[in-house]
């Protein structure tokens, strides 16, 4: 499956999943935006701050809860980085 098909499948999955809240959708939208800007590279690096700003999530606790739930639901594979300049690695599944 090419990255464009993967993008379409990801969008179809998030828009049809009744278990996702507005926080999940906001974070997925932020992930999609950054993924597109990274030429659909999979995986891609992104900072928590950038994702939180784009998703309009104010709480670090909420961010970690939502990204963990997206990983548990197999939307993403999340590899956090504890390096301030490196950013976390996101794999779109």
C-alpha atoms as a PDB file:
ATOM      1  CA  UNK A   1       0.000   0.000   0.000  1.00  0.00           C
ATOM      2  CA  UNK A   2       1.431   3.387  -0.931  1.00  0.00           C
ATOM      3  CA  UNK A   3       1.400   6.362   1.432  1.00  0.00           C
ATOM      4  CA  UNK A   4      -1.503   8.093  -0.333  1.00  0.00           C
ATOM      5  CA  UNK A   5      -3.677   4.995   0.116  1.00  0.00           C
ATOM      6  CA  UNK A   6      -2.502   4.755   3.712  1.00  0.00           C
ATOM      7  CA  UNK A   7      -3.539   8.382   4.280  1.00  0.00           C
ATOM      8  CA  UNK A   8      -7.005   7.706   2.843  1.00  0.00           C
ATOM      9  CA  UNK A   9      -7.430   4.587   4.981  1.00  0.00           C
ATOM     10  CA  UNK A  10      -6.314   6.459   8.103  1.00  0.00           C
ATOM     11  CA  UNK A  11      -8.837   9.252   7.481  1.00  0.00           C
ATOM     12  CA  UNK A  12     -11.610   6.713   6.773  1.00  0.00           C
ATOM     13  CA  UNK A  13     -10.828   4.880  10.028  1.00  0.00           C
ATOM     14  CA  UNK A  14     -10.816   7.971  12.255  1.00  0.00           C
ATOM     15  CA  UNK A  15     -13.992   9.434  10.777  1.00  0.00           C
ATOM     16  CA  UNK A  16     -15.942   6.194  11.196  1.00  0.00           C
ATOM     17  CA  UNK A  17     -14.740   5.198  14.697  1.00  0.00           C
ATOM     18  CA  UNK A  18     -17.431   6.093  17.232  1.00  0.00           C
ATOM     19  CA  UNK A  19     -14.975   5.539  20.101  1.00  0.00           C
ATOM     20  CA  UNK A  20     -12.888   8.584  19.214  1.00  0.00           C
ATOM     21  CA  UNK A  21     -13.531  11.886  20.958  1.00  0.00           C
ATOM     22  CA  UNK A  22     -12.933  15.393  19.675  1.00  0.00           C
ATOM     23  CA  UNK A  23      -9.495  15.308  21.326  1.00  0.00           C
ATOM     24  CA  UNK A  24      -8.606  12.172  19.353  1.00  0.00           C
ATOM     25  CA  UNK A  25      -9.863  13.720  16.114  1.00  0.00           C
ATOM     26  CA  UNK A  26      -7.981  16.951  16.801  1.00  0.00           C
ATOM     27  CA  UNK A  27      -4.740  15.087  17.437  1.00  0.00           C
ATOM     28  CA  UNK A  28      -5.270  12.903  14.352  1.00  0.00           C
ATOM     29  CA  UNK A  29      -5.861  16.022  12.271  1.00  0.00           C
ATOM     30  CA  UNK A  30      -2.625  17.512  13.603  1.00  0.00           C
ATOM     31  CA  UNK A  31      -0.792  14.262  12.843  1.00  0.00           C
ATOM     32  CA  UNK A  32      -2.207  14.173   9.302  1.00  0.00           C
ATOM     33  CA  UNK A  33      -1.193  17.789   8.679  1.00  0.00           C
ATOM     34  CA  UNK A  34       2.366  17.207   9.854  1.00  0.00           C
ATOM     35  CA  UNK A  35       2.545  13.873   8.020  1.00  0.00           C
ATOM     36  CA  UNK A  36       1.551  15.580   4.753  1.00  0.00           C
ATOM     37  CA  UNK A  37       4.135  18.333   5.347  1.00  0.00           C
ATOM     38  CA  UNK A  38       6.756  15.615   5.793  1.00  0.00           C
ATOM     39  CA  UNK A  39       5.899  14.285   2.295  1.00  0.00           C
ATOM     40  CA  UNK A  40       3.988  11.343   3.807  1.00  0.00           C
ATOM     41  CA  UNK A  41       7.202   9.894   5.229  1.00  0.00           C
ATOM     42  CA  UNK A  42       6.372   7.071   7.570  1.00  0.00           C
ATOM     43  CA  UNK A  43       7.615   7.279  10.269  1.00  0.00           C
ATOM     44  CA  UNK A  44       8.110  11.001  10.888  1.00  0.00           C
ATOM     45  CA  UNK A  45       9.393  13.119  13.773  1.00  0.00           C
ATOM     46  CA  UNK A  46       7.295  15.685  15.582  1.00  0.00           C
ATOM     47  CA  UNK A  47       7.437  17.549  18.860  1.00  0.00           C
ATOM     48  CA  UNK A  48       4.783  17.252  21.542  1.00  0.00           C
ATOM     49  CA  UNK A  49       4.503  21.031  21.675  1.00  0.00           C
ATOM     50  CA  UNK A  50       3.810  21.264  17.933  1.00  0.00           C
ATOM     51  CA  UNK A  51       1.164  18.526  18.115  1.00  0.00           C
ATOM     52  CA  UNK A  52      -0.509  20.047  21.147  1.00  0.00           C
ATOM     53  CA  UNK A  53      -0.647  23.474  19.516  1.00  0.00           C
ATOM     54  CA  UNK A  54      -2.051  22.125  16.239  1.00  0.00           C
ATOM     55  CA  UNK A  55      -4.583  19.887  18.033  1.00  0.00           C
ATOM     56  CA  UNK A  56      -5.633  22.693  20.405  1.00  0.00           C
ATOM     57  CA  UNK A  57      -4.818  20.483  23.400  1.00  0.00           C
ATOM     58  CA  UNK A  58      -3.767  22.577  26.413  1.00  0.00           C
ATOM     59  CA  UNK A  59      -2.953  19.851  28.951  1.00  0.00           C
ATOM     60  CA  UNK A  60       0.130  17.633  28.750  1.00  0.00           C
ATOM     61  CA  UNK A  61      -1.843  14.986  30.661  1.00  0.00           C
ATOM     62  CA  UNK A  62      -4.598  15.033  28.029  1.00  0.00           C
ATOM     63  CA  UNK A  63      -2.036  14.861  25.229  1.00  0.00           C
ATOM     64  CA  UNK A  64      -0.352  11.788  26.735  1.00  0.00           C
ATOM     65  CA  UNK A  65      -3.716  10.121  27.381  1.00  0.00           C
ATOM     66  CA  UNK A  66      -4.927  10.698  23.822  1.00  0.00           C
ATOM     67  CA  UNK A  67      -1.685   9.701  22.051  1.00  0.00           C
ATOM     68  CA  UNK A  68      -1.501   6.561  24.223  1.00  0.00           C
ATOM     69  CA  UNK A  69      -5.093   5.671  23.352  1.00  0.00           C
ATOM     70  CA  UNK A  70      -4.404   6.164  19.636  1.00  0.00           C
ATOM     71  CA  UNK A  71      -1.452   3.793  19.996  1.00  0.00           C
ATOM     72  CA  UNK A  72      -3.549   1.243  21.912  1.00  0.00           C
ATOM     73  CA  UNK A  73      -6.245   1.428  19.209  1.00  0.00           C
ATOM     74  CA  UNK A  74      -3.552   0.822  16.531  1.00  0.00           C
ATOM     75  CA  UNK A  75      -3.871   4.148  14.773  1.00  0.00           C
ATOM     76  CA  UNK A  76      -0.254   5.068  15.447  1.00  0.00           C
ATOM     77  CA  UNK A  77       2.932   3.645  16.842  1.00  0.00           C
ATOM     78  CA  UNK A  78       4.342   6.258  19.186  1.00  0.00           C
ATOM     79  CA  UNK A  79       8.022   6.314  20.123  1.00  0.00           C
ATOM     80  CA  UNK A  80       8.572   9.181  22.544  1.00  0.00           C
ATOM     81  CA  UNK A  81      11.888  10.980  22.562  1.00  0.00           C
ATOM     82  CA  UNK A  82      13.229  12.544  25.677  1.00  0.00           C
ATOM     83  CA  UNK A  83      15.633  14.679  23.678  1.00  0.00           C
ATOM     84  CA  UNK A  84      14.367  18.291  23.556  1.00  0.00           C
ATOM     85  CA  UNK A  85      15.422  18.923  19.954  1.00  0.00           C
ATOM     86  CA  UNK A  86      14.791  15.549  18.373  1.00  0.00           C
ATOM     87  CA  UNK A  87      11.031  15.068  18.697  1.00  0.00           C
ATOM     88  CA  UNK A  88       9.059  11.854  18.981  1.00  0.00           C
ATOM     89  CA  UNK A  89       8.758   9.311  16.195  1.00  0.00           C
ATOM     90  CA  UNK A  90       5.257   8.616  14.864  1.00  0.00           C
ATOM     91  CA  UNK A  91       4.333   5.690  12.646  1.00  0.00           C
ATOM     92  CA  UNK A  92       0.898   5.869  11.000  1.00  0.00           C
ATOM     93  CA  UNK A  93      -0.586   2.360  11.030  1.00  0.00           C
END
